[in-house]
Amino acid sequence: MSLYKKMNLDFKEHFLGYSALAIINMKYLITSIVITLFFNCKNDVKNKTFDGQENIVVTSIDSLQTKELDIPLNKSIAIENKQQALIKKKDEREQLEELLIEKKYIKDVKDFSINFTYPLLNVKLNPKYSYFNEYMNDYYIDVIRTEADILESKLLCDSIKCLKFRETRYIDYKVYNVNDQLISLLFYKENMYSGAMHPTYTFNCINYDLNRNIFMSYEDFFIKGTEEQLTVIINEKINEKLKDGELYYDCWQISQDDFFANKNNFVLNETYVEFYFDDCIICPSYTGSYSIEIPLVELLAVLKKYDLNPLVF
């Protein structure tokens, strides 16, 4: 083969090789352009208005960044809103001012602060109310035990930051008058522990028969052995809340054991029973509610039917 022909053949081979490579590169380029245009179109659609609403802009944020920055801030606000909703909840304290004598205990020292607000019954109306008052002073508002618990928790803590943190204990209450016979008291305790960003809430409910001067429990209002049935009713209410809106996102059903442990934590109304649960029993601290209301008409199957039950209607 002549040198001219050989050079001409080599040129054609190189030309074809470069052409094939150029075609492949062009395909990648076209594909990249199409993908870019597609995502730009998606972003354009997101920035448009829908259903007559204006300025609905969806900003693309990395999921990890969202988790680290936005969600904690949103949850922090949600926790405060949830706690404020409880504090501002209306009760019947003013209507019962003749019956109740409000007491306060405040102690503010270097390591901790205690702020308790609680009611006593007016013994001038009935001397037997002293039974209720003794319980409140000697058992429920146990300041000595509270202080000991705080100091013990600091001794067990091995962090210098923890030891310097001032813990707080705060108790307040709501009161409801079902009728002339019965009052319902909700005590909510705010605990700010070492190292925590927000206080946690725990609850105790007391139902007191003013005529007989006795504390009433679950078995005084509900048929014995109906705890499992009532757990089902409460979970049905939680499921309704989950379906109705976003307030109860991330909530869950209550377990049988948790309901047994909290079955006496309810306050009464003329038309409903309201069960209260501590933080993180039915919902995380940043969503949902601390309580579940159940109308009395939905509890007929489990209500005890006898004359001394003020819920019988």
Protein backbone atom coordinates (compact mmCIF):
# COMPACT_ATOMS: atom_id res chain seq x y z
CA MET A 1 0.00 0.00 0.00
CA SER A 2 1.34 3.42 -0.93
CA LEU A 3 2.18 5.91 1.78
CA TYR A 4 -0.56 8.26 0.49
CA LYS A 5 -3.27 5.62 0.77
CA LYS A 6 -2.12 4.59 4.23
CA MET A 7 -2.22 8.19 5.47
CA ASN A 8 -5.65 8.67 3.93
CA LEU A 9 -6.98 5.52 5.67
CA ASP A 10 -5.53 6.54 9.05
CA PHE A 11 -7.18 9.96 8.67
CA LYS A 12 -10.59 8.38 8.01
CA GLU A 13 -10.28 6.10 11.07
CA HIS A 14 -9.34 9.01 13.32
CA PHE A 15 -12.12 11.14 11.86
CA LEU A 16 -14.73 8.43 12.48
CA GLY A 17 -13.47 7.89 16.05
CA TYR A 18 -13.69 11.57 16.86
CA SER A 19 -17.13 11.76 15.26
CA ALA A 20 -18.45 8.91 17.38
CA LEU A 21 -17.04 10.53 20.51
CA ALA A 22 -18.59 13.85 19.56
CA ILE A 23 -21.99 12.20 19.06
CA ILE A 24 -21.79 10.57 22.51
CA ASN A 25 -20.80 13.85 24.14
CA MET A 26 -23.64 15.61 22.34
CA LYS A 27 -26.14 13.05 23.72
CA TYR A 28 -24.93 13.69 27.28
CA LEU A 29 -25.16 17.43 26.72
CA ILE A 30 -28.72 17.21 25.39
CA THR A 31 -29.74 14.95 28.29
CA SER A 32 -28.31 17.42 30.83
CA ILE A 33 -30.14 20.32 29.21
CA VAL A 34 -33.45 18.42 29.25
CA ILE A 35 -33.05 17.51 32.95
CA THR A 36 -32.18 21.09 33.84
CA LEU A 37 -35.19 22.46 31.97
CA PHE A 38 -37.45 19.87 33.63
CA PHE A 39 -36.43 20.87 37.15
CA ASN A 40 -36.63 24.56 36.29
CA CYS A 41 -40.18 23.96 35.11
CA LYS A 42 -41.01 22.20 38.39
CA ASN A 43 -39.67 25.14 40.36
CA ASP A 44 -41.65 27.55 38.19
CA VAL A 45 -44.83 25.60 38.91
CA LYS A 46 -44.11 25.65 42.64
CA ASN A 47 -43.73 29.42 42.59
CA LYS A 48 -47.11 29.97 40.97
CA THR A 49 -50.29 30.63 42.94
CA PHE A 50 -53.02 28.07 43.52
CA ASP A 51 -56.66 28.29 44.57
CA GLY A 52 -56.58 32.05 44.62
CA GLN A 53 -53.77 32.18 47.17
CA GLU A 54 -50.83 34.44 46.41
CA ASN A 55 -47.12 34.21 47.09
CA ILE A 56 -47.02 30.47 47.75
CA VAL A 57 -43.32 29.78 47.32
CA VAL A 58 -41.81 26.37 47.88
CA THR A 59 -38.15 26.69 48.71
CA SER A 60 -35.93 23.71 48.13
CA ILE A 61 -33.97 23.02 51.33
CA ASP A 62 -31.72 20.10 52.05
CA SER A 63 -33.50 17.61 54.34
CA LEU A 64 -30.61 17.46 56.79
CA GLN A 65 -30.51 21.23 57.00
CA THR A 66 -34.26 21.28 57.67
CA LYS A 67 -33.89 18.68 60.40
CA GLU A 68 -31.13 20.56 62.13
CA LEU A 69 -32.46 24.12 61.85
CA ASP A 70 -36.16 24.51 61.12
CA ILE A 71 -37.75 21.61 62.97
CA PRO A 72 -36.21 22.30 66.41
CA LEU A 73 -37.30 25.96 66.16
CA ASN A 74 -40.82 24.99 65.08
CA LYS A 75 -41.07 22.38 67.81
CA SER A 76 -39.84 24.83 70.41
CA ILE A 77 -42.60 27.27 69.48
CA ALA A 78 -45.16 24.45 69.40
CA ILE A 79 -44.18 23.33 72.92
CA GLU A 80 -44.63 26.84 74.29
CA ASN A 81 -48.01 27.23 72.53
CA LYS A 82 -49.20 23.89 73.88
CA GLN A 83 -48.22 24.81 77.43
CA GLN A 84 -49.79 28.27 77.18
CA ALA A 85 -53.04 26.76 75.92
CA LEU A 86 -53.21 24.70 79.11
CA ILE A 87 -52.34 27.61 81.40
CA LYS A 88 -54.98 29.88 79.80
CA LYS A 89 -57.67 27.23 79.81
CA LYS A 90 -60.78 28.50 81.59
CA ASP A 91 -62.05 26.93 84.77
CA GLU A 92 -64.57 27.82 87.49
CA ARG A 93 -62.22 29.22 90.13
CA GLU A 94 -64.03 32.54 90.34
CA GLN A 95 -67.43 30.93 90.73
CA LEU A 96 -66.11 28.83 93.62
CA GLU A 97 -64.28 31.57 95.51
CA GLU A 98 -66.48 31.11 98.58
CA LEU A 99 -65.69 27.40 98.74
CA LEU A 100 -61.98 27.61 97.95
CA ILE A 101 -59.17 29.31 99.85
CA GLU A 102 -56.19 29.73 97.57
CA LYS A 103 -52.75 29.14 99.07
CA LYS A 104 -49.26 29.79 97.77
CA TYR A 105 -45.83 28.50 98.68
CA ILE A 106 -42.84 30.22 97.08
CA LYS A 107 -39.19 29.52 97.74
CA ASP A 108 -36.40 30.96 95.63
CA VAL A 109 -32.86 29.97 96.59
CA LYS A 110 -29.53 29.54 94.84
CA ASP A 111 -30.02 25.98 93.59
CA PHE A 112 -33.77 25.89 92.88
CA SER A 113 -37.09 27.68 92.94
CA ILE A 114 -40.49 26.37 94.04
CA ASN A 115 -43.78 28.04 93.23
CA PHE A 116 -46.90 26.16 94.31
CA THR A 117 -50.47 27.44 94.05
CA TYR A 118 -53.15 25.16 95.46
CA PRO A 119 -56.62 25.31 97.04
CA LEU A 120 -57.95 24.45 100.45
CA LEU A 121 -61.63 24.11 101.28
CA ASN A 122 -63.35 26.64 103.50
CA VAL A 123 -63.91 24.83 106.81
CA LYS A 124 -66.30 27.58 107.87
CA LEU A 125 -68.76 26.11 105.41
CA ASN A 126 -68.17 22.60 106.68
CA PRO A 127 -65.67 21.60 109.41
CA LYS A 128 -65.29 18.19 107.79
CA TYR A 129 -63.47 19.83 104.88
CA SER A 130 -60.40 19.65 107.12
CA TYR A 131 -59.95 16.11 105.78
CA PHE A 132 -59.36 17.49 102.30
CA ASN A 133 -57.04 20.20 103.63
CA GLU A 134 -54.90 17.75 105.56
CA TYR A 135 -54.42 15.69 102.43
CA MET A 136 -53.36 18.74 100.44
CA ASN A 137 -50.91 20.00 103.04
CA ASP A 138 -49.43 16.73 104.23
CA TYR A 139 -49.42 14.63 101.08
CA TYR A 140 -49.85 16.50 97.84
CA ILE A 141 -48.04 19.78 98.54
CA ASP A 142 -45.11 18.03 100.15
CA VAL A 143 -42.51 20.78 100.00
CA ILE A 144 -39.94 18.94 102.10
CA ARG A 145 -40.00 15.96 99.75
CA THR A 146 -39.80 18.24 96.69
CA GLU A 147 -36.71 20.00 98.01
CA ALA A 148 -35.09 16.67 98.89
CA ASP A 149 -35.75 15.34 95.38
CA ILE A 150 -34.15 18.38 93.78
CA LEU A 151 -31.05 18.25 95.94
CA GLU A 152 -30.70 14.50 95.44
CA SER A 153 -30.88 14.87 91.66
CA LYS A 154 -28.07 17.44 91.82
CA LEU A 155 -25.89 15.15 93.93
CA LEU A 156 -26.36 12.34 91.40
CA CYS A 157 -25.45 14.61 88.48
CA ASP A 158 -21.80 14.39 87.40
CA SER A 159 -21.88 17.48 85.17
CA ILE A 160 -20.65 20.86 86.43
CA LYS A 161 -23.16 22.56 84.14
CA CYS A 162 -25.92 20.44 85.62
CA LEU A 163 -24.92 21.31 89.17
CA LYS A 164 -25.01 25.04 88.39
CA PHE A 165 -28.42 24.85 86.71
CA ARG A 166 -31.30 26.19 88.83
CA GLU A 167 -34.13 23.68 88.77
CA THR A 168 -37.72 24.87 89.10
CA ARG A 169 -40.91 23.23 90.33
CA TYR A 170 -44.19 24.93 89.59
CA ILE A 171 -47.70 23.74 90.50
CA ASP A 172 -51.00 25.36 89.63
CA TYR A 173 -54.53 24.06 89.30
CA LYS A 174 -57.87 24.20 87.50
CA VAL A 175 -61.14 23.52 89.27
CA TYR A 176 -64.54 22.48 87.94
CA ASN A 177 -67.86 22.22 89.75
CA VAL A 178 -69.84 19.35 88.30
CA ASN A 179 -72.75 20.01 90.65
CA ASP A 180 -73.36 20.87 94.31
CA GLN A 181 -72.02 17.46 95.26
CA LEU A 182 -68.76 17.20 93.36
CA ILE A 183 -65.69 19.27 92.46
CA SER A 184 -62.98 18.22 90.04
CA LEU A 185 -59.42 19.50 90.43
CA LEU A 186 -56.67 19.35 87.85
CA PHE A 187 -53.15 19.93 89.19
CA TYR A 188 -50.50 20.56 86.58
CA LYS A 189 -46.88 20.45 87.59
CA GLU A 190 -44.20 22.17 85.54
CA ASN A 191 -40.75 20.69 86.04
CA MET A 192 -37.62 22.32 84.63
CA TYR A 193 -34.80 19.82 84.97
CA SER A 194 -31.07 20.31 84.61
CA GLY A 195 -29.98 20.51 80.99
CA ALA A 196 -33.53 20.59 79.56
CA MET A 197 -34.53 23.21 76.99
CA HIS A 198 -38.20 23.21 78.01
CA PRO A 199 -40.17 22.26 81.12
CA THR A 200 -42.13 19.03 81.17
CA TYR A 201 -45.70 18.75 82.41
CA THR A 202 -47.21 16.11 84.68
CA PHE A 203 -50.77 15.91 85.96
CA ASN A 204 -52.81 14.80 88.94
CA CYS A 205 -56.57 14.93 89.12
CA ILE A 206 -58.74 14.87 92.24
CA ASN A 207 -62.48 14.34 92.36
CA TYR A 208 -63.96 15.17 95.73
CA ASP A 209 -67.46 14.48 97.03
CA LEU A 210 -68.42 17.54 99.09
CA ASN A 211 -71.39 15.86 100.73
CA ARG A 212 -69.64 12.71 101.93
CA ASN A 213 -66.16 14.28 102.24
CA ILE A 214 -64.41 11.51 100.35
CA PHE A 215 -62.00 11.34 97.43
CA MET A 216 -63.51 9.49 94.49
CA SER A 217 -61.59 7.24 92.11
CA TYR A 218 -62.13 5.52 88.76
CA GLU A 219 -64.15 2.71 90.36
CA ASP A 220 -66.62 5.21 91.84
CA PHE A 221 -67.67 6.39 88.39
CA PHE A 222 -66.91 3.50 86.05
CA ILE A 223 -67.83 -0.17 86.15
CA LYS A 224 -65.04 -2.31 87.57
CA GLY A 225 -62.98 -4.05 84.91
CA THR A 226 -63.83 -1.63 82.09
CA GLU A 227 -60.31 -0.22 81.74
CA GLU A 228 -59.66 -2.14 78.54
CA GLN A 229 -62.95 -0.96 77.05
CA LEU A 230 -62.22 2.65 77.96
CA THR A 231 -58.73 2.37 76.47
CA VAL A 232 -60.37 1.44 73.17
CA ILE A 233 -62.72 4.44 73.41
CA ILE A 234 -59.82 6.82 74.10
CA ASN A 235 -57.81 5.42 71.19
CA GLU A 236 -60.80 5.90 68.90
CA LYS A 237 -60.84 9.56 69.95
CA ILE A 238 -57.11 9.87 69.28
CA ASN A 239 -57.58 8.36 65.82
CA GLU A 240 -60.36 10.87 65.11
CA LYS A 241 -58.00 13.68 66.08
CA LEU A 242 -55.30 12.30 63.81
CA LYS A 243 -57.69 12.24 60.85
CA ASP A 244 -59.24 15.65 61.51
CA GLY A 245 -56.14 17.78 61.15
CA GLU A 246 -52.48 18.41 61.71
CA LEU A 247 -52.60 19.21 65.44
CA TYR A 248 -52.10 15.57 66.41
CA TYR A 249 -49.29 14.68 63.97
CA ASP A 250 -46.78 12.20 65.40
CA CYS A 251 -49.21 11.17 68.18
CA TRP A 252 -49.96 7.54 68.92
CA GLN A 253 -52.48 5.35 70.71
CA ILE A 254 -52.27 4.90 74.45
CA SER A 255 -51.16 1.50 75.69
CA GLN A 256 -53.20 -0.57 78.10
CA ASP A 257 -50.51 -0.24 80.78
CA ASP A 258 -50.33 3.54 80.43
CA PHE A 259 -54.08 3.90 80.80
CA PHE A 260 -54.11 1.69 83.91
CA ALA A 261 -51.41 3.91 85.41
CA ASN A 262 -53.35 7.10 84.59
CA LYS A 263 -56.97 5.99 84.88
CA ASN A 264 -57.61 8.29 87.87
CA ASN A 265 -56.31 11.35 86.03
CA PHE A 266 -59.61 12.78 84.85
CA VAL A 267 -61.78 15.78 85.55
CA LEU A 268 -65.54 15.85 85.18
CA ASN A 269 -68.02 18.11 83.53
CA GLU A 270 -71.79 18.00 83.20
CA THR A 271 -71.43 16.72 79.65
CA TYR A 272 -68.00 15.08 79.34
CA VAL A 273 -65.06 13.41 81.05
CA GLU A 274 -61.56 14.71 80.31
CA PHE A 275 -58.58 12.37 80.78
CA TYR A 276 -55.14 13.98 81.24
CA PHE A 277 -51.81 12.41 80.33
CA ASP A 278 -48.24 13.48 81.07
CA ASP A 279 -45.88 14.62 78.35
CA CYS A 280 -45.08 11.90 75.81
CA ILE A 281 -47.75 9.38 76.86
CA ILE A 282 -50.14 9.96 73.95
CA CYS A 283 -48.27 12.69 72.06
CA PRO A 284 -44.76 14.12 71.92
CA SER A 285 -44.30 17.38 73.80
CA TYR A 286 -44.45 19.49 70.61
CA THR A 287 -47.86 18.44 69.29
CA GLY A 288 -51.33 17.26 70.19
CA SER A 289 -52.90 17.95 73.56
CA TYR A 290 -52.45 16.83 77.14
CA SER A 291 -56.04 15.63 77.38
CA ILE A 292 -58.82 13.75 75.60
CA GLU A 293 -62.45 14.75 76.09
CA ILE A 294 -65.12 12.05 75.88
CA PRO A 295 -68.82 12.99 75.95
CA LEU A 296 -70.81 11.21 78.66
CA VAL A 297 -73.26 9.88 76.07
CA GLU A 298 -70.39 7.84 74.62
CA LEU A 299 -69.57 6.36 78.03
CA LEU A 300 -72.97 4.95 78.96
CA ALA A 301 -71.74 1.38 78.53
CA VAL A 302 -68.99 1.83 81.13
CA LEU A 303 -70.57 4.28 83.61
CA LYS A 304 -71.57 2.92 86.98
CA LYS A 305 -75.31 3.29 87.45
CA TYR A 306 -76.07 4.02 91.09
CA ASP A 307 -77.44 7.01 92.96
CA LEU A 308 -74.12 8.14 94.40
CA ASN A 309 -72.56 8.53 90.97
CA PRO A 310 -73.08 12.19 90.04
CA LEU A 311 -72.52 11.34 86.37
CA VAL A 312 -75.70 9.28 86.11
CA PHE A 313 -78.25 11.08 83.96
